């Protein structure tokens, strides 16, 4: 008769998630836990770690969506206030921020790699002793 599994698959995945999020465990630490404590073979352990990572990613997507919605709502209130005070510059800045959050506005900086620097210095048309010179190019 085959030995009954000591751990349920879902419990193991939850343990991996807890180790990752609460204890910042490395993949090697999790792998050793699965192999030594749960008696899971390496290939299956990597599969379970992958499933846990997918759940973590989905959770972050949900959290990020909620946070983005709240940030947009806050910015919308600030924008309305700026409109009422007729601060057009602030309205524009808030609109830019809202568009960045929505992914509609990307700030790009392009550089050719060539650096040009032009400096002008005022030069007095005098000799060292302070008297004007006859040469206009000096």
N, C-alpha and C. Protein backbone atom coordinates (compact mmCIF):
# COMPACT_ATOMS: atom_id res chain seq x y z
N UNK A 1 0.84 -1.17 0.00
CA UNK A 1 0.00 0.00 0.00
C UNK A 1 0.90 1.25 0.00
N UNK A 2 0.54 2.23 -0.86
CA UNK A 2 1.34 3.45 -0.98
C UNK A 2 1.15 4.33 0.25
N UNK A 3 2.22 5.02 0.64
CA UNK A 3 2.16 5.92 1.80
C UNK A 3 1.32 7.14 1.44
N UNK A 4 0.50 7.54 2.37
CA UNK A 4 -0.35 8.71 2.17
C UNK A 4 0.50 9.98 2.24
N UNK A 5 0.20 10.93 1.35
CA UNK A 5 0.96 12.19 1.33
C UNK A 5 0.85 12.89 2.67
N UNK A 6 1.98 13.37 3.16
CA UNK A 6 2.02 14.05 4.45
C UNK A 6 1.39 15.44 4.36
N UNK A 7 1.57 16.11 3.20
CA UNK A 7 1.08 17.46 3.02
C UNK A 7 0.13 17.52 1.83
N UNK A 8 -0.84 18.38 1.90
CA UNK A 8 -1.74 18.63 0.78
C UNK A 8 -1.10 19.68 -0.11
N UNK A 9 -1.27 19.52 -1.43
CA UNK A 9 -0.65 20.40 -2.42
C UNK A 9 -0.93 21.87 -2.13
N UNK A 10 -2.16 22.24 -1.86
CA UNK A 10 -2.53 23.64 -1.60
C UNK A 10 -1.83 24.18 -0.35
N UNK A 11 -1.69 23.33 0.65
CA UNK A 11 -0.99 23.75 1.87
C UNK A 11 0.48 24.04 1.59
N UNK A 12 1.08 23.21 0.73
CA UNK A 12 2.49 23.41 0.39
C UNK A 12 2.65 24.72 -0.37
N UNK A 13 1.76 24.98 -1.32
CA UNK A 13 1.83 26.23 -2.08
C UNK A 13 1.66 27.42 -1.16
N UNK A 14 0.73 27.34 -0.22
CA UNK A 14 0.54 28.43 0.75
C UNK A 14 1.78 28.61 1.62
N UNK A 15 2.43 27.51 1.97
CA UNK A 15 3.66 27.60 2.76
C UNK A 15 4.76 28.29 1.97
N UNK A 16 4.85 28.00 0.67
CA UNK A 16 5.84 28.65 -0.19
C UNK A 16 5.57 30.14 -0.26
N UNK A 17 4.30 30.50 -0.45
CA UNK A 17 3.92 31.91 -0.53
C UNK A 17 4.28 32.62 0.77
N UNK A 18 3.99 31.99 1.90
CA UNK A 18 4.31 32.59 3.20
C UNK A 18 5.82 32.76 3.36
N UNK A 19 6.57 31.74 2.97
CA UNK A 19 8.02 31.83 3.08
C UNK A 19 8.55 32.99 2.23
N UNK A 20 8.00 33.15 1.03
CA UNK A 20 8.46 34.20 0.12
C UNK A 20 8.10 35.59 0.66
N UNK A 21 6.82 35.78 1.02
CA UNK A 21 6.34 37.11 1.37
C UNK A 21 6.66 37.53 2.79
N UNK A 22 6.55 36.63 3.74
CA UNK A 22 6.75 37.01 5.14
C UNK A 22 8.19 36.85 5.59
N UNK A 23 8.88 35.88 5.02
CA UNK A 23 10.24 35.61 5.49
C UNK A 23 11.31 35.91 4.45
N UNK A 24 10.88 36.39 3.26
CA UNK A 24 11.81 36.72 2.16
C UNK A 24 12.78 35.57 1.88
N UNK A 25 12.25 34.35 1.91
CA UNK A 25 13.08 33.17 1.70
C UNK A 25 13.56 33.10 0.25
N UNK A 26 14.79 32.66 0.08
CA UNK A 26 15.34 32.50 -1.26
C UNK A 26 14.78 31.23 -1.89
N UNK A 27 14.95 31.12 -3.20
CA UNK A 27 14.48 29.93 -3.90
C UNK A 27 15.19 28.69 -3.38
N UNK A 28 16.49 28.81 -3.07
CA UNK A 28 17.25 27.68 -2.55
C UNK A 28 16.69 27.22 -1.19
N UNK A 29 16.35 28.18 -0.34
CA UNK A 29 15.79 27.84 0.98
C UNK A 29 14.46 27.11 0.81
N UNK A 30 13.64 27.61 -0.09
CA UNK A 30 12.33 26.98 -0.34
C UNK A 30 12.53 25.59 -0.93
N UNK A 31 13.44 25.49 -1.86
CA UNK A 31 13.72 24.19 -2.49
C UNK A 31 14.20 23.17 -1.46
N UNK A 32 15.09 23.59 -0.56
CA UNK A 32 15.56 22.69 0.50
C UNK A 32 14.42 22.29 1.43
N UNK A 33 13.54 23.23 1.75
CA UNK A 33 12.37 22.92 2.59
C UNK A 33 11.50 21.86 1.92
N UNK A 34 11.24 22.04 0.64
CA UNK A 34 10.38 21.10 -0.08
C UNK A 34 11.02 19.72 -0.19
N UNK A 35 12.33 19.68 -0.46
CA UNK A 35 13.00 18.40 -0.61
C UNK A 35 13.20 17.69 0.73
N UNK A 36 13.61 18.44 1.75
CA UNK A 36 13.96 17.81 3.03
C UNK A 36 12.75 17.61 3.94
N UNK A 37 11.93 18.63 4.10
CA UNK A 37 10.82 18.54 5.04
C UNK A 37 9.58 17.89 4.44
N UNK A 38 9.31 18.18 3.18
CA UNK A 38 8.10 17.65 2.54
C UNK A 38 8.37 16.41 1.70
N UNK A 39 9.65 16.07 1.54
CA UNK A 39 10.07 14.89 0.77
C UNK A 39 9.55 14.92 -0.66
N UNK A 40 9.69 16.08 -1.28
CA UNK A 40 9.24 16.28 -2.66
C UNK A 40 10.47 16.28 -3.55
N UNK A 41 10.37 15.63 -4.70
CA UNK A 41 11.49 15.59 -5.64
C UNK A 41 11.70 16.97 -6.25
N UNK A 42 12.93 17.20 -6.72
CA UNK A 42 13.33 18.53 -7.19
C UNK A 42 12.44 19.04 -8.33
N UNK A 43 12.14 18.20 -9.30
CA UNK A 43 11.33 18.64 -10.45
C UNK A 43 9.95 19.09 -9.99
N UNK A 44 9.32 18.31 -9.13
CA UNK A 44 8.00 18.68 -8.61
C UNK A 44 8.10 19.93 -7.74
N UNK A 45 9.18 20.07 -7.00
CA UNK A 45 9.38 21.24 -6.14
C UNK A 45 9.42 22.51 -6.99
N UNK A 46 10.15 22.46 -8.11
CA UNK A 46 10.20 23.63 -8.99
C UNK A 46 8.81 23.96 -9.54
N UNK A 47 8.04 22.93 -9.84
CA UNK A 47 6.67 23.15 -10.32
C UNK A 47 5.82 23.85 -9.27
N UNK A 48 5.93 23.42 -8.02
CA UNK A 48 5.17 24.04 -6.93
C UNK A 48 5.61 25.49 -6.70
N UNK A 49 6.91 25.72 -6.79
CA UNK A 49 7.43 27.09 -6.64
C UNK A 49 6.87 27.97 -7.75
N UNK A 50 6.83 27.44 -8.97
CA UNK A 50 6.27 28.18 -10.10
C UNK A 50 4.81 28.53 -9.89
N UNK A 51 4.03 27.57 -9.37
CA UNK A 51 2.62 27.84 -9.09
C UNK A 51 2.47 28.93 -8.02
N UNK A 52 3.31 28.87 -7.01
CA UNK A 52 3.26 29.88 -5.95
C UNK A 52 3.59 31.26 -6.52
N UNK A 53 4.56 31.32 -7.42
CA UNK A 53 4.93 32.60 -8.03
C UNK A 53 3.77 33.18 -8.85
N UNK A 54 3.03 32.31 -9.54
CA UNK A 54 1.87 32.78 -10.31
C UNK A 54 0.82 33.38 -9.38
N UNK A 55 0.57 32.74 -8.26
CA UNK A 55 -0.41 33.25 -7.29
C UNK A 55 0.06 34.59 -6.72
N UNK A 56 1.34 34.69 -6.40
CA UNK A 56 1.90 35.95 -5.89
C UNK A 56 1.73 37.05 -6.93
N UNK A 57 2.04 36.75 -8.19
CA UNK A 57 1.92 37.75 -9.26
C UNK A 57 0.47 38.21 -9.42
N UNK A 58 -0.47 37.30 -9.37
CA UNK A 58 -1.89 37.67 -9.49
C UNK A 58 -2.32 38.54 -8.31
N UNK A 59 -1.83 38.21 -7.13
CA UNK A 59 -2.17 39.00 -5.95
C UNK A 59 -1.63 40.42 -6.10
N UNK A 60 -0.39 40.56 -6.57
CA UNK A 60 0.19 41.88 -6.78
C UNK A 60 -0.59 42.66 -7.82
N UNK A 61 -1.02 41.99 -8.89
CA UNK A 61 -1.82 42.67 -9.92
C UNK A 61 -3.08 43.24 -9.31
N UNK A 62 -3.74 42.47 -8.46
CA UNK A 62 -4.97 42.92 -7.81
C UNK A 62 -4.69 44.10 -6.89
N UNK A 63 -3.63 43.98 -6.08
CA UNK A 63 -3.27 45.08 -5.18
C UNK A 63 -2.93 46.34 -5.97
N UNK A 64 -2.12 46.17 -7.03
CA UNK A 64 -1.74 47.32 -7.83
C UNK A 64 -2.94 47.99 -8.48
N UNK A 65 -3.89 47.19 -8.95
CA UNK A 65 -5.09 47.75 -9.56
C UNK A 65 -5.85 48.60 -8.54
N UNK A 66 -6.01 48.09 -7.34
CA UNK A 66 -6.70 48.86 -6.30
C UNK A 66 -5.95 50.15 -5.97
N UNK A 67 -4.62 50.05 -5.87
CA UNK A 67 -3.83 51.24 -5.55
C UNK A 67 -3.88 52.26 -6.68
N UNK A 68 -3.86 51.78 -7.93
CA UNK A 68 -3.94 52.69 -9.07
C UNK A 68 -5.28 53.41 -9.10
N UNK A 69 -6.35 52.67 -8.84
CA UNK A 69 -7.68 53.28 -8.83
C UNK A 69 -7.77 54.36 -7.75
N UNK A 70 -7.20 54.10 -6.59
CA UNK A 70 -7.21 55.08 -5.51
C UNK A 70 -6.37 56.30 -5.88
N UNK A 71 -5.21 56.08 -6.48
CA UNK A 71 -4.35 57.19 -6.89
C UNK A 71 -5.05 58.06 -7.93
N UNK A 72 -5.73 57.43 -8.89
CA UNK A 72 -6.45 58.19 -9.90
C UNK A 72 -7.60 58.99 -9.29
N UNK A 73 -8.29 58.40 -8.34
CA UNK A 73 -9.39 59.12 -7.67
C UNK A 73 -8.85 60.34 -6.92
N UNK A 74 -7.73 60.17 -6.23
CA UNK A 74 -7.12 61.29 -5.51
C UNK A 74 -6.69 62.40 -6.47
N UNK A 75 -6.07 62.01 -7.57
CA UNK A 75 -5.63 63.00 -8.56
C UNK A 75 -6.82 63.71 -9.20
N UNK A 76 -7.90 62.99 -9.42
CA UNK A 76 -9.10 63.60 -10.00
C UNK A 76 -9.66 64.68 -9.08
N UNK A 77 -9.64 64.41 -7.76
CA UNK A 77 -10.09 65.42 -6.80
C UNK A 77 -9.18 66.65 -6.84
N UNK A 78 -7.87 66.42 -6.89
CA UNK A 78 -6.92 67.53 -6.96
C UNK A 78 -7.09 68.33 -8.24
N UNK A 79 -7.39 67.63 -9.33
CA UNK A 79 -7.58 68.29 -10.61
C UNK A 79 -8.82 69.19 -10.57
N UNK A 80 -9.89 68.70 -9.99
CA UNK A 80 -11.12 69.49 -9.87
C UNK A 80 -10.87 70.75 -9.03
N UNK A 81 -10.12 70.57 -7.95
CA UNK A 81 -9.78 71.71 -7.09
C UNK A 81 -8.94 72.73 -7.86
N UNK A 82 -8.00 72.25 -8.66
CA UNK A 82 -7.15 73.15 -9.45
C UNK A 82 -7.97 73.87 -10.52
N UNK A 83 -8.96 73.19 -11.07
CA UNK A 83 -9.84 73.82 -12.05
C UNK A 83 -10.64 74.95 -11.41
N UNK A 84 -11.15 74.69 -10.21
CA UNK A 84 -11.94 75.71 -9.50
C UNK A 84 -11.09 76.93 -9.17
N UNK A 85 -9.82 76.71 -8.86
CA UNK A 85 -8.94 77.84 -8.55
C UNK A 85 -8.31 78.43 -9.81
N UNK A 86 -8.69 77.89 -10.97
CA UNK A 86 -8.24 78.37 -12.28
C UNK A 86 -6.72 78.33 -12.44
N UNK A 87 -6.11 77.31 -11.85
CA UNK A 87 -4.66 77.11 -11.97
C UNK A 87 -4.42 76.14 -13.13
N UNK A 88 -4.31 76.69 -14.33
CA UNK A 88 -4.22 75.87 -15.53
C UNK A 88 -2.92 75.07 -15.58
N UNK A 89 -1.84 75.63 -15.07
CA UNK A 89 -0.58 74.90 -15.04
C UNK A 89 -0.69 73.65 -14.18
N UNK A 90 -1.31 73.79 -13.02
CA UNK A 90 -1.49 72.65 -12.13
C UNK A 90 -2.42 71.60 -12.75
N UNK A 91 -3.46 72.06 -13.42
CA UNK A 91 -4.37 71.12 -14.09
C UNK A 91 -3.58 70.31 -15.12
N UNK A 92 -2.72 70.97 -15.88
CA UNK A 92 -1.92 70.28 -16.88
C UNK A 92 -0.97 69.26 -16.23
N UNK A 93 -0.31 69.65 -15.14
CA UNK A 93 0.61 68.74 -14.45
C UNK A 93 -0.13 67.52 -13.89
N UNK A 94 -1.30 67.75 -13.33
CA UNK A 94 -2.08 66.63 -12.78
C UNK A 94 -2.54 65.72 -13.90
N UNK A 95 -2.95 66.31 -15.02
CA UNK A 95 -3.36 65.51 -16.18
C UNK A 95 -2.21 64.65 -16.67
N UNK A 96 -1.01 65.21 -16.71
CA UNK A 96 0.17 64.43 -17.11
C UNK A 96 0.38 63.25 -16.17
N UNK A 97 0.27 63.49 -14.87
CA UNK A 97 0.45 62.42 -13.89
C UNK A 97 -0.60 61.33 -14.07
N UNK A 98 -1.84 61.75 -14.30
CA UNK A 98 -2.91 60.77 -14.51
C UNK A 98 -2.63 59.95 -15.76
N UNK A 99 -2.15 60.59 -16.80
CA UNK A 99 -1.86 59.88 -18.04
C UNK A 99 -0.68 58.93 -17.87
N UNK A 100 0.29 59.31 -17.05
CA UNK A 100 1.42 58.41 -16.77
C UNK A 100 0.91 57.15 -16.08
N UNK A 101 0.04 57.32 -15.11
CA UNK A 101 -0.51 56.18 -14.38
C UNK A 101 -1.29 55.27 -15.32
N UNK A 102 -2.03 55.88 -16.24
CA UNK A 102 -2.83 55.11 -17.19
C UNK A 102 -1.98 54.51 -18.30
N UNK A 103 -0.71 54.90 -18.37
CA UNK A 103 0.17 54.38 -19.39
C UNK A 103 0.04 55.11 -20.71
N UNK A 104 -0.55 56.28 -20.69
CA UNK A 104 -0.80 57.04 -21.92
C UNK A 104 0.28 58.09 -22.17
N UNK A 105 1.12 58.35 -21.22
CA UNK A 105 2.11 59.40 -21.34
C UNK A 105 3.45 58.83 -20.91
N UNK A 106 4.38 58.82 -21.82
CA UNK A 106 5.71 58.31 -21.51
C UNK A 106 6.70 59.44 -21.71
N UNK A 107 7.42 59.73 -20.67
CA UNK A 107 8.42 60.79 -20.75
C UNK A 107 9.68 60.19 -21.35
N UNK A 108 10.10 60.74 -22.47
CA UNK A 108 11.27 60.21 -23.15
C UNK A 108 12.38 61.25 -23.16
N UNK A 109 13.56 60.76 -22.93
CA UNK A 109 14.74 61.60 -23.03
C UNK A 109 15.63 60.95 -24.07
N UNK A 110 15.90 61.66 -25.14
CA UNK A 110 16.76 61.13 -26.18
C UNK A 110 18.08 61.89 -26.17
N UNK A 111 19.14 61.14 -26.41
CA UNK A 111 20.45 61.76 -26.40
C UNK A 111 21.27 61.13 -27.50
N UNK A 112 21.90 61.95 -28.30
CA UNK A 112 22.69 61.45 -29.43
C UNK A 112 24.05 60.95 -28.98
N UNK A 113 24.46 61.27 -27.80
CA UNK A 113 25.77 60.90 -27.31
C UNK A 113 26.80 62.00 -27.49
N UNK A 114 26.46 62.97 -28.33
CA UNK A 114 27.37 64.09 -28.57
C UNK A 114 27.10 65.17 -27.54
N UNK A 115 28.15 65.64 -26.93
CA UNK A 115 28.00 66.67 -25.92
C UNK A 115 28.54 67.98 -26.48
N UNK A 116 27.69 68.99 -26.49
CA UNK A 116 28.10 70.30 -26.96
C UNK A 116 27.98 71.26 -25.80
N UNK A 117 29.02 72.03 -25.62
CA UNK A 117 29.01 72.99 -24.53
C UNK A 117 29.54 74.30 -25.07
N UNK A 118 28.74 75.32 -24.96
CA UNK A 118 29.15 76.63 -25.43
C UNK A 118 29.18 77.56 -24.23
N UNK A 119 30.30 78.20 -24.05
CA UNK A 119 30.42 79.14 -22.94
C UNK A 119 30.88 80.48 -23.48
N UNK A 120 30.31 81.53 -22.96
CA UNK A 120 30.75 82.87 -23.36
C UNK A 120 31.27 83.57 -22.12
N UNK A 121 32.37 84.26 -22.30
CA UNK A 121 32.98 84.99 -21.21
C UNK A 121 33.14 86.44 -21.64
N UNK A 122 32.75 87.37 -20.80
CA UNK A 122 32.96 88.77 -21.15
C UNK A 122 34.46 89.11 -21.07
N UNK A 123 34.96 89.70 -22.11
CA UNK A 123 36.38 90.06 -22.15
C UNK A 123 36.47 91.58 -22.31
N UNK A 124 37.20 92.18 -21.40
CA UNK A 124 37.42 93.62 -21.50
C UNK A 124 38.47 93.90 -22.55
N UNK A 125 38.30 94.95 -23.24
CA UNK A 125 39.22 95.35 -24.30
C UNK A 125 40.31 96.24 -23.70
N UNK A 126 41.12 95.66 -22.78
CA UNK A 126 42.16 96.42 -22.09
C UNK A 126 43.44 95.64 -22.05
N UNK A 127 44.53 96.34 -21.86
CA UNK A 127 45.83 95.72 -21.60
C UNK A 127 45.86 95.27 -20.13
N UNK A 128 46.92 94.61 -19.78
CA UNK A 128 47.09 94.15 -18.41
C UNK A 128 47.09 95.32 -17.43
N UNK A 129 47.64 96.47 -17.86
CA UNK A 129 47.73 97.61 -16.95
C UNK A 129 46.40 98.38 -16.85
N UNK A 130 45.33 97.91 -17.58
CA UNK A 130 44.03 98.55 -17.47
C UNK A 130 43.74 99.61 -18.50
N UNK A 131 44.71 99.90 -19.40
CA UNK A 131 44.48 100.89 -20.45
C UNK A 131 43.87 100.23 -21.68
N UNK A 132 42.98 100.91 -22.40
CA UNK A 132 42.40 100.32 -23.61
C UNK A 132 43.46 99.99 -24.64
N UNK A 133 43.22 98.89 -25.37
CA UNK A 133 44.17 98.46 -26.39
C UNK A 133 43.75 98.96 -27.77
N UNK A 134 44.70 99.02 -28.69
CA UNK A 134 44.40 99.45 -30.05
C UNK A 134 43.84 98.30 -30.88
N UNK A 135 44.06 97.05 -30.47
CA UNK A 135 43.62 95.89 -31.22
C UNK A 135 42.17 95.55 -30.83
N UNK A 136 41.18 95.73 -31.74
CA UNK A 136 39.78 95.48 -31.40
C UNK A 136 39.46 93.99 -31.21
N UNK A 137 40.32 93.07 -31.70
CA UNK A 137 40.04 91.64 -31.55
C UNK A 137 40.40 91.13 -30.16
N UNK A 138 41.10 91.90 -29.36
CA UNK A 138 41.48 91.47 -28.01
C UNK A 138 40.50 91.93 -26.99
